[in-house]
Amino acid sequence: MISALGEPALRRREGEAEIWLYQAADCRLDLVFFAEASRLVLAHVAARAFGARRLTESACLEVLARAPNPPPWTAPGSRG
């Protein structure tokens, strides 16, 4: 995943899960992983519009795919 999208803007643990957040100007992408046999397995993906533009999930993924690699994809202090 990192080779395709770069480092996530945010990476945090919640119980047994590890959550990664990718961001672009109009979109956020949440990835939820669980550890399985010493590797992370992707369990859930959610793309969502952010800000004034209301994009479909597929349009949001297109924006993220075109975002600069590696991040930061947003100005300092605008994560989240």
Protein backbone atom coordinates (compact mmCIF):
# COMPACT_ATOMS: atom_id res chain seq x y z
CA MET A 1 0.00 0.00 0.00
CA ILE A 2 2.77 2.43 0.89
CA SER A 3 4.49 1.80 -2.43
CA ALA A 4 1.30 2.91 -4.22
CA LEU A 5 0.13 5.79 -2.01
CA GLY A 6 3.15 6.77 0.07
CA GLU A 7 3.12 7.08 3.83
CA PRO A 8 -0.30 7.77 5.34
CA ALA A 9 -0.97 11.20 6.81
CA LEU A 10 -2.01 9.47 10.03
CA ARG A 11 -1.42 5.97 11.36
CA ARG A 12 -2.94 4.86 14.66
CA ARG A 13 -3.78 1.72 16.60
CA GLU A 14 -7.24 0.99 17.92
CA GLY A 15 -7.27 -2.26 19.82
CA GLU A 16 -6.23 -5.00 17.41
CA ALA A 17 -6.66 -2.74 14.37
CA GLU A 18 -4.25 -0.35 12.70
CA ILE A 19 -5.92 2.55 10.90
CA TRP A 20 -4.26 4.55 8.14
CA LEU A 21 -5.57 7.86 6.83
CA TYR A 22 -4.67 9.25 3.42
CA GLN A 23 -5.79 12.74 2.46
CA ALA A 24 -6.00 14.89 -0.60
CA ALA A 25 -7.61 18.30 -1.03
CA ASP A 26 -11.14 16.94 -1.47
CA CYS A 27 -10.93 13.39 -0.11
CA ARG A 28 -10.01 11.17 2.76
CA LEU A 29 -9.26 7.46 2.55
CA ASP A 30 -9.46 5.28 5.66
CA LEU A 31 -7.83 1.85 5.63
CA VAL A 32 -8.32 -0.58 8.52
CA PHE A 33 -5.82 -3.41 8.91
CA PHE A 34 -5.59 -6.36 11.29
CA ALA A 35 -2.44 -8.33 12.07
CA GLU A 36 -2.48 -11.86 10.72
CA ALA A 37 0.57 -14.14 10.76
CA SER A 38 3.07 -11.26 11.16
CA ARG A 39 1.59 -9.13 8.38
CA LEU A 40 -1.19 -6.58 8.08
CA VAL A 41 -4.35 -7.66 6.27
CA LEU A 42 -6.68 -5.01 4.86
CA ALA A 43 -10.13 -5.45 6.39
CA HIS A 44 -12.00 -2.25 5.49
CA VAL A 45 -11.67 0.69 3.10
CA ALA A 46 -13.72 3.89 3.10
CA ALA A 47 -13.26 6.84 0.74
CA ARG A 48 -15.13 10.02 1.59
CA ALA A 49 -15.45 13.54 0.28
CA PHE A 50 -14.07 16.34 2.41
CA GLY A 51 -14.75 20.06 2.22
CA ALA A 52 -17.07 21.95 -0.11
CA ARG A 53 -16.86 19.54 -3.06
CA ARG A 54 -19.12 16.52 -2.75
CA LEU A 55 -17.48 13.71 -4.70
CA THR A 56 -18.60 10.16 -5.24
CA GLU A 57 -16.47 7.45 -3.69
CA SER A 58 -14.94 6.54 -7.07
CA ALA A 59 -14.17 10.21 -7.87
CA CYS A 60 -12.58 10.53 -4.44
CA LEU A 61 -10.33 7.53 -5.15
CA GLU A 62 -9.30 9.11 -8.46
CA VAL A 63 -8.31 12.31 -6.64
CA LEU A 64 -6.25 10.32 -4.15
CA ALA A 65 -4.56 8.35 -6.93
CA ARG A 66 -3.47 11.61 -8.59
CA ALA A 67 -2.27 13.20 -5.33
CA PRO A 68 1.47 13.80 -4.97
CA ASN A 69 3.44 10.82 -3.78
CA PRO A 70 4.88 10.82 -1.16
CA PRO A 71 2.82 13.08 1.14
CA PRO A 72 2.35 15.55 2.73
CA TRP A 73 -0.80 16.07 0.69
CA THR A 74 -2.08 18.93 2.79
CA ALA A 75 -0.62 22.06 4.30
CA PRO A 76 0.98 21.74 7.76
CA GLY A 77 -1.62 21.68 10.52
CA SER A 78 -4.53 20.70 8.27
CA ARG A 79 -4.46 16.95 8.89
CA GLY A 80 -7.46 15.14 10.26
